[in-house]
Protein backbone atom coordinates (compact mmCIF):
# COMPACT_ATOMS: atom_id res chain seq x y z
CA MET A 1 212.42 145.92 131.91
CA ASP A 2 214.82 147.41 129.36
CA SER A 3 217.82 145.14 128.75
CA ASP A 4 220.07 147.86 128.33
CA ARG A 5 219.66 148.86 132.00
CA LEU A 6 220.92 145.20 132.86
CA SER A 7 223.89 145.12 130.70
CA SER A 8 227.43 146.03 131.90
CA PRO A 9 229.65 148.49 129.83
CA SER A 10 231.76 145.27 128.56
CA HIS A 11 228.20 143.98 127.09
CA ALA A 12 226.82 147.31 125.72
CA ALA A 13 225.87 147.52 122.03
CA PRO A 14 228.78 148.71 119.87
CA HIS A 15 226.82 151.93 118.63
CA GLY A 16 224.56 152.73 121.58
CA LEU A 17 225.03 155.44 124.01
CA ARG A 18 226.32 155.02 127.51
CA HIS A 19 224.03 155.78 130.23
CA ASP A 20 225.99 158.73 131.16
CA GLN A 21 225.74 160.00 127.74
CA ARG A 22 221.75 159.21 127.61
CA VAL A 23 221.57 161.52 130.82
CA LEU A 24 223.46 164.29 129.29
CA LEU A 25 221.32 164.00 126.01
CA MET A 26 218.05 164.06 128.06
CA ALA A 27 219.19 167.28 129.93
CA LEU A 28 220.26 168.86 126.91
CA LEU A 29 216.85 168.01 125.38
CA ALA A 30 215.05 169.31 128.39
CA SER A 31 216.46 172.69 128.15
CA LEU A 32 216.26 172.81 124.25
CA PRO A 33 212.77 174.22 124.02
CA GLY A 34 213.25 177.16 126.33
CA GLY A 35 216.48 177.99 124.75
CA VAL A 36 215.14 177.84 121.35
CA VAL A 37 212.32 180.09 122.45
CA SER A 38 214.67 182.46 124.11
CA LEU A 39 217.06 182.45 121.00
CA ALA A 40 214.24 183.12 118.63
CA ILE A 41 213.11 186.12 120.45
CA LEU A 42 216.56 187.45 121.05
CA TRP A 43 217.63 187.08 117.21
CA PHE A 44 214.31 188.26 115.75
CA GLY A 45 213.91 191.15 118.38
CA ASP A 46 215.27 194.67 118.08
CA TYR A 47 218.54 194.04 119.84
CA THR A 48 221.94 195.07 118.91
CA PRO A 49 224.59 192.33 117.61
CA LYS A 50 226.55 192.62 120.75
CA VAL A 51 223.73 191.78 123.04
CA GLN A 52 222.50 189.07 120.77
CA TRP A 53 225.94 187.16 120.77
CA THR A 54 226.35 187.88 124.61
CA LEU A 55 223.11 186.33 125.59
CA THR A 56 223.34 183.42 123.04
CA ALA A 57 226.74 182.57 124.59
CA LEU A 58 225.19 182.60 128.09
CA ILE A 59 222.14 180.72 127.26
CA VAL A 60 224.15 177.96 125.62
CA LEU A 61 226.93 177.68 128.47
CA VAL A 62 224.15 177.84 131.11
CA SER A 63 222.49 174.89 129.36
CA LEU A 64 225.64 172.91 128.96
CA GLY A 65 226.50 173.51 132.68
CA PHE A 66 223.41 172.44 133.95
CA ALA A 67 223.08 169.45 131.58
CA PHE A 68 226.69 168.39 132.67
CA GLY A 69 225.74 169.00 136.04
CA VAL A 70 222.78 166.76 135.95
CA ARG A 71 224.90 164.03 134.54
CA GLU A 72 227.63 164.26 137.34
CA ARG A 73 224.69 164.15 140.21
CA VAL A 74 223.44 160.79 138.32
CA VAL A 75 226.92 159.30 137.48
CA PHE A 76 228.77 159.98 140.75
CA PRO A 77 226.33 157.88 143.23
CA LEU A 78 226.63 155.09 140.38
CA HIS A 79 230.35 155.20 140.52
CA THR A 80 229.96 154.96 144.36
CA LEU A 81 227.73 151.88 143.91
CA SER A 82 229.91 150.31 141.42
CA ASN A 83 233.16 150.66 143.60
CA LEU A 84 231.05 149.22 146.75
CA LEU A 85 229.92 146.23 144.57
CA ALA A 86 233.30 145.66 143.44
CA GLY A 87 234.63 145.63 146.87
CA LEU A 88 232.32 142.90 147.67
CA ARG A 89 233.20 140.99 144.85
CA GLU A 90 236.96 141.28 145.94
CA GLY A 91 235.92 140.42 149.46
CA ASP A 92 236.71 143.67 150.66
CA PHE A 93 234.02 144.62 153.42
CA SER A 94 235.69 147.70 154.75
CA ILE A 95 234.21 150.26 152.18
CA ARG A 96 231.11 151.99 153.18
CA ALA A 97 228.79 154.58 151.33
CA ARG A 98 228.47 158.11 153.10
CA PRO A 99 225.06 158.47 154.72
CA THR A 100 222.62 160.91 153.29
CA PRO A 101 219.45 162.75 154.89
CA ALA A 102 216.42 160.62 155.85
CA GLY A 103 214.05 160.48 153.15
CA ASP A 104 216.46 160.81 150.16
CA PRO A 105 215.68 157.92 147.67
CA LEU A 106 219.32 157.49 146.85
CA GLY A 107 220.23 157.40 150.48
CA GLU A 108 217.89 154.41 151.17
CA VAL A 109 219.76 152.59 148.42
CA LEU A 110 223.06 153.21 149.66
CA PHE A 111 221.56 152.57 153.45
CA GLU A 112 220.63 149.01 152.05
CA VAL A 113 223.91 148.57 150.45
CA ASN A 114 225.66 149.32 153.66
CA ALA A 115 223.50 146.88 155.36
CA LEU A 116 224.19 144.28 152.80
CA VAL A 117 227.81 144.85 153.42
CA ASP A 118 227.62 144.31 157.09
CA THR A 119 225.51 141.06 156.48
CA LEU A 120 228.04 139.72 153.97
CA ARG A 121 230.77 140.70 156.28
CA HIS A 122 229.31 138.68 159.20
CA GLN A 123 228.54 135.72 156.74
CA ARG A 124 232.09 135.67 155.79
CA LEU A 125 233.60 135.88 159.21
CA ASP A 126 231.29 133.01 160.28
CA ALA A 127 232.29 130.93 157.20
CA VAL A 128 235.91 131.62 157.86
CA GLU A 129 235.67 130.37 161.40
CA ALA A 130 233.76 127.35 160.69
CA THR A 131 236.26 126.50 157.85
CA ALA A 132 239.13 126.93 160.32
CA LEU A 133 237.42 124.86 162.84
CA LEU A 134 236.73 122.09 160.13
CA GLN A 135 240.20 122.14 159.00
CA LYS A 136 241.37 121.78 162.57
CA VAL A 137 239.08 119.03 163.25
CA ILE A 138 240.49 117.13 159.91
CA ALA A 139 243.77 117.94 160.66
CA GLU A 140 243.56 116.52 164.26
CA THR A 141 241.17 113.40 164.08
CA ASP A 142 242.91 109.89 163.93
CA VAL A 143 240.94 108.95 161.06
CA ALA A 144 242.63 108.96 157.89
CA ILE A 145 240.80 111.32 155.17
CA PHE A 146 241.27 111.63 151.54
CA THR A 147 239.56 113.48 148.79
CA PHE A 148 239.73 112.68 144.93
CA ASP A 149 238.58 114.55 142.14
CA ASP A 150 236.70 113.39 139.05
CA ARG A 151 240.03 112.01 137.56
CA ASP A 152 240.79 110.09 140.98
CA ARG A 153 243.72 112.66 141.87
CA LEU A 154 244.16 113.25 145.48
CA GLN A 155 242.91 116.67 146.63
CA LEU A 156 242.82 116.66 150.38
CA ILE A 157 244.74 114.60 153.11
CA ASN A 158 244.97 115.13 156.77
CA ARG A 159 247.95 114.36 159.19
CA ALA A 160 246.71 110.87 159.69
CA GLY A 161 246.55 110.14 156.14
CA GLU A 162 250.16 111.71 155.84
CA ARG A 163 251.33 109.28 158.56
CA LEU A 164 249.53 106.20 157.16
CA LEU A 165 251.05 106.80 153.53
CA GLY A 166 254.35 107.82 155.26
CA GLN A 167 254.85 111.08 153.00
CA PRO A 168 254.12 114.62 153.51
CA ALA A 169 251.06 116.12 151.83
CA ASP A 170 253.13 118.20 149.24
CA ARG A 171 254.46 114.86 147.70
CA LEU A 172 251.13 113.37 147.81
CA LEU A 173 248.46 115.99 146.53
CA ALA A 174 247.49 115.69 142.56
CA ARG A 175 248.78 112.24 142.61
CA ARG A 176 246.32 109.46 141.32
CA ALA A 177 244.73 107.11 143.52
CA ASP A 178 246.18 103.99 141.72
CA GLU A 179 249.92 105.63 142.43
CA LEU A 180 249.04 105.87 146.27
CA ASP A 181 247.60 102.06 146.25
CA LEU A 182 244.20 103.61 147.34
CA ALA A 183 242.23 102.86 144.04
CA VAL A 184 240.90 99.50 145.29
CA TYR A 185 239.41 101.37 148.35
CA LEU A 186 237.35 103.59 146.05
CA ASP A 187 235.53 100.34 144.83
CA PRO A 188 232.30 100.00 146.46
CA ALA A 189 232.45 96.18 146.30
CA THR A 190 235.44 96.42 148.71
CA PRO A 191 234.68 95.03 152.17
CA ARG A 192 234.02 97.40 154.85
CA VAL A 193 236.53 96.06 156.97
CA ARG A 194 240.03 94.64 155.75
CA THR A 195 243.48 93.67 157.10
CA VAL A 196 245.77 95.80 155.02
CA THR A 197 249.52 96.88 155.35
CA PHE A 198 250.33 100.66 154.92
CA PRO A 199 253.75 102.14 154.96
CA GLY A 200 252.61 103.82 158.03
CA GLY A 201 250.85 100.80 159.69
CA VAL A 202 249.62 97.46 159.85
CA GLY A 203 246.16 96.44 161.11
CA ARG A 204 242.54 96.22 160.54
CA TRP A 205 241.06 99.20 158.85
CA GLU A 206 237.38 100.19 158.32
CA ILE A 207 236.66 101.76 155.01
CA ARG A 208 234.21 104.29 154.35
CA ARG A 209 233.30 105.97 151.08
CA GLY A 210 231.27 108.98 150.04
CA ILE A 211 230.40 111.30 147.10
CA PHE A 212 230.20 114.98 147.23
CA ARG A 213 230.37 117.75 144.39
CA GLN A 214 232.57 120.70 144.34
CA GLY A 215 232.74 123.12 141.41
CA GLY A 216 229.93 121.37 139.80
CA ARG A 217 232.20 118.13 139.79
CA PRO A 218 231.77 115.02 141.35
CA HIS A 219 234.56 114.18 144.10
CA GLN A 220 235.09 111.00 146.26
CA LEU A 221 235.70 110.84 150.23
CA LEU A 222 237.69 108.20 151.35
CA LEU A 223 237.77 107.60 155.20
CA LEU A 224 240.16 104.95 156.69
CA ALA A 225 239.91 104.05 160.33
CA ASP A 226 242.34 101.93 162.30
CA VAL A 227 240.03 99.54 164.34
CA SER A 228 242.59 97.09 165.40
CA GLU A 229 242.59 98.18 168.84
CA PRO A 230 238.90 98.41 169.48
CA LEU A 231 238.58 94.92 167.66
CA ARG A 232 241.20 93.55 169.94
CA GLU A 233 239.45 95.27 172.86
CA GLU A 234 236.19 93.67 171.89
CA GLU A 235 237.94 90.34 171.17
CA ARG A 236 239.41 90.38 174.74
CA GLN A 237 236.04 91.09 176.45
CA ALA A 238 234.30 88.44 174.11
CA TRP A 239 237.08 85.93 175.54
CA GLN A 240 236.45 87.20 179.08
CA ARG A 241 232.73 86.70 178.71
CA LEU A 242 233.23 83.26 177.11
CA ILE A 243 235.69 82.06 179.81
CA ARG A 244 233.20 83.59 182.58
CA VAL A 245 230.40 81.48 181.30
CA LEU A 246 232.31 78.18 180.77
CA GLY A 247 234.05 78.37 184.01
CA HIS A 248 230.66 78.99 185.58
CA GLU A 249 229.21 75.85 184.11
CA LEU A 250 232.21 73.97 184.40
CA ASN A 251 232.35 74.48 188.07
CA ASN A 252 228.54 73.76 188.40
CA SER A 253 229.21 70.31 187.17
CA LEU A 254 232.87 69.67 188.21
CA THR A 255 232.30 70.76 191.87
CA PRO A 256 229.66 68.18 192.57
CA ILE A 257 231.53 65.39 190.49
CA LYS A 258 234.96 65.90 192.52
CA SER A 259 232.95 66.07 196.05
CA ILE A 260 230.99 62.66 195.06
CA ALA A 261 234.21 61.16 193.29
CA GLY A 262 236.11 61.88 196.64
CA SER A 263 233.48 60.40 198.88
CA LEU A 264 233.48 57.27 196.62
CA HIS A 265 237.10 56.91 196.69
CA ALA A 266 237.17 57.19 200.60
CA THR A 267 234.49 54.35 200.74
CA LEU A 268 236.39 51.96 198.51
CA ALA A 269 239.75 52.81 200.25
CA ARG A 270 238.21 51.66 203.52
CA PRO A 271 238.44 47.73 204.33
CA ALA A 272 235.33 45.75 203.44
CA GLU A 273 234.33 45.22 207.17
CA ASP A 274 234.58 49.02 207.74
CA ARG A 275 232.22 50.07 204.93
CA ALA A 276 228.47 50.81 205.69
CA PRO A 277 226.05 48.25 204.82
CA ASP A 278 224.51 50.19 201.98
CA TRP A 279 227.86 51.31 200.41
CA GLN A 280 227.02 49.87 197.09
CA GLU A 281 223.77 51.80 196.93
CA ASP A 282 225.81 54.91 197.79
CA LEU A 283 228.36 53.84 195.01
CA ASP A 284 225.41 53.51 192.44
CA HIS A 285 223.89 56.78 193.31
CA GLY A 286 227.09 58.52 193.13
CA LEU A 287 227.84 57.26 189.95
CA ARG A 288 224.43 58.15 188.47
CA ILE A 289 225.09 61.58 189.59
CA ILE A 290 228.28 61.89 187.98
CA ALA A 291 227.14 60.66 184.70
CA ASP A 292 223.96 62.80 184.95
CA ARG A 293 226.38 66.02 185.27
CA ALA A 294 228.60 64.78 182.66
CA ASP A 295 225.54 64.69 180.40
CA ALA A 296 224.35 67.92 181.46
CA LEU A 297 227.80 69.26 180.61
CA SER A 298 227.87 67.51 177.21
CA ARG A 299 224.51 69.18 176.33
CA PHE A 300 225.91 72.46 177.46
CA MET A 301 228.96 72.22 175.14
CA ASP A 302 226.44 71.04 172.35
CA ALA A 303 224.56 73.96 172.69
CA TYR A 304 227.42 76.49 172.80
CA ALA A 305 228.66 74.70 169.50
CA ARG A 306 225.28 75.49 167.86
CA ILE A 307 225.77 79.07 168.04
CA ALA A 308 229.62 78.88 167.20
CA ARG A 309 228.91 76.77 163.94
CA LEU A 310 225.77 78.62 162.61
CA PRO A 311 226.08 78.08 158.76
CA ALA A 312 226.20 80.81 156.29
CA PRO A 313 222.54 81.43 155.16
CA THR A 314 221.55 80.06 151.69
CA ILE A 315 219.81 83.08 150.31
CA ARG A 316 216.72 82.40 148.00
CA SER A 317 213.76 84.15 147.46
CA ILE A 318 211.07 83.86 150.43
CA ASP A 319 207.46 85.02 150.44
CA VAL A 320 206.94 86.84 153.82
CA GLU A 321 203.45 86.14 154.33
CA SER A 322 203.68 82.45 153.63
CA ALA A 323 206.79 82.11 155.97
CA ILE A 324 204.94 83.80 158.71
CA ARG A 325 201.67 81.71 158.46
CA HIS A 326 203.86 78.63 158.47
CA VAL A 327 205.39 79.50 161.59
CA ALA A 328 202.37 80.66 163.33
CA SER A 329 200.82 77.25 162.50
CA LEU A 330 203.54 75.53 164.36
CA GLU A 331 202.66 77.05 167.78
CA THR A 332 199.70 74.90 169.40
CA ARG A 333 200.09 75.84 172.95
CA VAL A 334 198.29 79.36 172.48
CA ALA A 335 196.30 80.90 169.83
CA VAL A 336 198.69 83.14 167.39
CA GLU A 337 196.80 85.95 165.59
CA VAL A 338 198.70 86.79 162.04
CA VAL A 339 198.34 90.46 161.32
CA PRO A 340 198.31 90.84 157.62
CA GLY A 341 200.80 93.08 155.92
CA PRO A 342 201.58 94.13 152.51
CA PRO A 343 202.85 91.28 149.84
CA MET A 344 206.55 91.33 149.60
CA GLN A 345 209.38 88.97 148.87
CA ILE A 346 212.73 89.01 150.40
CA ARG A 347 216.05 87.40 149.88
CA ALA A 348 216.91 85.16 152.72
CA ASP A 349 217.72 81.67 154.24
CA GLY A 350 214.15 80.19 154.63
CA ASP A 351 215.29 77.60 157.27
CA GLN A 352 217.36 79.99 159.44
CA LEU A 353 214.61 82.78 159.13
CA GLU A 354 211.73 80.22 160.29
CA GLN A 355 214.22 79.30 163.07
CA LEU A 356 214.39 82.76 164.14
CA LEU A 357 210.49 83.35 164.22
CA ILE A 358 209.87 80.09 165.99
CA ASN A 359 212.24 81.06 168.73
CA LEU A 360 210.80 84.30 169.27
CA LEU A 361 207.02 82.77 169.05
CA ARG A 362 208.13 80.26 171.42
CA ASN A 363 209.12 82.93 173.91
CA ALA A 364 206.15 84.82 173.65
CA ALA A 365 203.88 81.74 174.01
CA ASP A 366 205.87 80.84 177.15
CA ALA A 367 205.37 84.60 178.58
CA VAL A 368 201.37 84.37 177.97
CA GLN A 369 200.84 80.84 179.24
CA ALA A 370 200.91 81.57 182.89
CA THR A 371 199.46 85.15 182.78
CA GLY A 372 196.97 84.78 179.89
CA GLY A 373 196.59 87.13 176.83
CA GLY A 374 197.48 86.76 173.16
CA VAL A 375 200.15 86.49 170.67
CA ARG A 376 200.34 88.49 167.46
CA LEU A 377 202.56 87.71 164.55
CA GLY A 378 202.99 90.35 161.78
CA TRP A 379 204.89 92.29 159.12
CA SER A 380 205.04 95.77 157.73
CA ARG A 381 207.37 98.20 155.51
CA VAL A 382 209.45 100.64 157.72
CA ASP A 383 208.38 104.21 157.59
CA GLY A 384 210.95 106.05 155.61
CA GLN A 385 212.70 102.96 154.85
CA PRO A 386 210.77 101.35 151.80
CA ASP A 387 213.59 98.83 151.23
CA THR A 388 213.31 97.19 154.95
CA VAL A 389 210.80 94.84 156.13
CA GLU A 390 209.86 94.60 159.82
CA MET A 391 208.47 91.46 161.31
CA SER A 392 207.16 91.63 165.06
CA VAL A 393 206.03 89.28 167.63
CA ASP A 394 203.86 90.99 170.37
CA ASP A 395 202.61 89.17 173.33
CA ASP A 396 200.49 90.30 176.43
CA GLY A 397 202.71 88.69 179.04
CA PRO A 398 204.35 90.41 181.99
CA GLY A 399 207.04 91.96 180.03
CA ILE A 400 210.77 92.01 180.48
CA PRO A 401 212.10 92.72 183.82
CA ASN A 402 215.85 93.09 182.97
CA THR A 403 216.92 93.76 179.19
CA THR A 404 220.56 94.00 180.00
CA ASN A 405 221.42 90.09 179.70
CA LEU A 406 218.82 89.25 177.07
CA PHE A 407 221.45 88.20 174.62
CA VAL A 408 224.09 86.98 176.53
CA PRO A 409 224.50 83.29 175.85
CA PHE A 410 223.10 80.74 178.49
CA PHE A 411 221.44 83.49 180.39
CA THR A 412 217.88 82.54 180.98
CA THR A 413 215.07 83.33 183.42
CA LYS A 414 213.05 80.41 182.45
CA ALA A 415 213.06 77.14 184.22
CA GLY A 416 214.73 74.35 182.19
CA GLY A 417 215.65 77.16 179.40
CA THR A 418 218.89 76.77 177.58
CA GLY A 419 219.71 80.57 177.20
CA ILE A 420 220.71 80.13 173.54
CA GLY A 421 217.39 81.04 171.63
CA LEU A 422 217.76 84.77 171.69
CA PRO A 423 221.63 84.70 171.01
CA LEU A 424 221.06 82.36 168.12
CA SER A 425 217.88 84.49 166.78
CA ARG A 426 220.12 87.76 166.78
CA GLN A 427 223.08 86.00 165.13
CA ILE A 428 220.72 84.71 162.22
CA ALA A 429 219.32 88.30 161.78
CA GLU A 430 222.75 89.87 161.60
CA ALA A 431 223.87 86.97 159.13
CA HIS A 432 221.25 88.56 157.02
CA GLY A 433 222.20 92.17 157.43
CA GLY A 434 219.50 92.92 159.70
CA THR A 435 218.73 93.36 163.62
CA LEU A 436 216.82 91.92 166.29
CA ASP A 437 215.58 94.05 169.36
CA LEU A 438 213.16 93.32 172.22
CA ARG A 439 211.29 96.06 174.03
CA ASN A 440 208.57 96.32 176.65
CA ARG A 441 205.16 97.61 175.30
CA PRO A 442 203.67 100.75 176.85
CA ALA A 443 200.43 98.48 177.13
CA GLY A 444 202.00 95.68 178.73
CA GLY A 445 203.86 92.75 177.25
CA CYS A 446 207.02 92.47 175.03
CA ARG A 447 207.67 93.10 171.43
CA ALA A 448 210.21 91.42 169.34
CA ILE A 449 211.21 93.31 166.16
CA VAL A 450 213.33 91.77 163.29
CA ARG A 451 214.35 94.14 160.57
CA LEU A 452 215.69 92.81 157.22
CA ARG A 453 216.52 94.61 154.07
CA ILE A 454 214.53 93.59 151.09
CA ARG A 455 217.15 92.67 148.69
C-alpha cells in the first residue's frame, strides 16, 4: 500500500502534493486531451478571433470547474470522516454521518463508521458504569486500599485508608510510602498478619500485596484488613470448644470419683460395729476405681499437651519415595501397596512428616481390618501446581459416616481411640504450610490427602 495514503498531513513530505491537490491535478489531466484537441481544431480552423477566444475561455473554465467539482466531491466526505474520527478521539459520540442511498460505496463506509460510533458509545458507557461501581465498592469497603507507583508514591486511597492513617486523601496522595510509614508493608518478607498501631486504629492486620501495571509502569497494590475482631471471635470459639471438651472429660472422671469418695466417706464415718463385713473390700475397690479414673484423666491431659506443645518443624531435605516406603514398612497388620510417583525432594521435618503418614496409615489399616480390602499409599504432583506434592492414603473400608467432627480433638469413633491422631496430623501439615483433607471415595472407602509445597 502506498505510504502516502497512510500518512497524516503533519507527516506528509515537505515538497509533496496534498491529496486534494493530486485529485485536482488528476481531474485536470483527464480533461487535458479533449481540451487540447478542441483548442487545436478551434485555433487551426477557419474561425474568427472572437469565436476562438470565446470558446477557448469556455473550454478552460468548464474544465477547471469540473476539476474543482471533482476535488470537492472527493474532499468533502473525507472532511466528514475526519470530523467523525476526531470526535471519537475526543470522546464525543454524538456526531453522526448523514445516511446515503443504498449501494453507494461511500455510504457503506459512512454506515460502518456510524456503527463503530454506536459500538464505542456503548462500550464507553459500560466502562464508565463499571468504573463507577468499582470506585463505589473501593470507597465503601472496610479494607484499607492503597496503590503506589514505581517511585512508591501514593496514587489511590479509599475511605478506610484515610481513617486508618487519620488524614484526608488530599493530604496523602503523591506522598512516599516511607513518609506514611507504609514502606515496610510493601516488603514481601513482611509477615502476612501483624499487630500494628496506626493513627486510626490498633489491632492485628492482615497484609496483602500485589503488582499491576498502569500506563506501562509497574504499580503496587497494598491491602490492610483489620482481623482483630474475627481473630477474637475465633479465639472465643476455640476457648469454648476447649472448655467444652475439658469439662466433658473432667466430669466423666470427677463424677464417679465424687460418688465413690462420698460412699467411702459415709462407710468410714459409721461405727465399726455398723459397717458391712466386706467394707474393707469395698474400700479397696473404690480406691482402685478412683486411681484408675485419675490415671485416665492424667493420660487425657498428656494427650492434649501433645497437641499444644507440637515443636516447630526442623526443616531438611526429604526424599518423598524413601519416606513413604519406610512408613509403609512399619504397618504389619495389613498389606500396604505403594503406588509409585515421580522422583522428588521436599523440604520438611522428616520425623513429623512420618508421624503424620503413620497416623493416616494406621487409621486406614483399622478401617479395613474388619471389612477386608487393601490400603494404598502414593504420591504425585498436583495438576496445574507443579510446585506442590500430593501424598494420598486410600483404603477400601466402610468410609467416613460423618466428616463434621473429624478434626475435633478427642473426638473418635474407634473403641479405645484417643481422638488426637487426625488433629495432630492436620497441625503437622499446616505447620509445613500444607493441608490435610479426608473424603469418601466414590468407589467406597476413604482417601486422606496431604498437600505440601516443594520448597
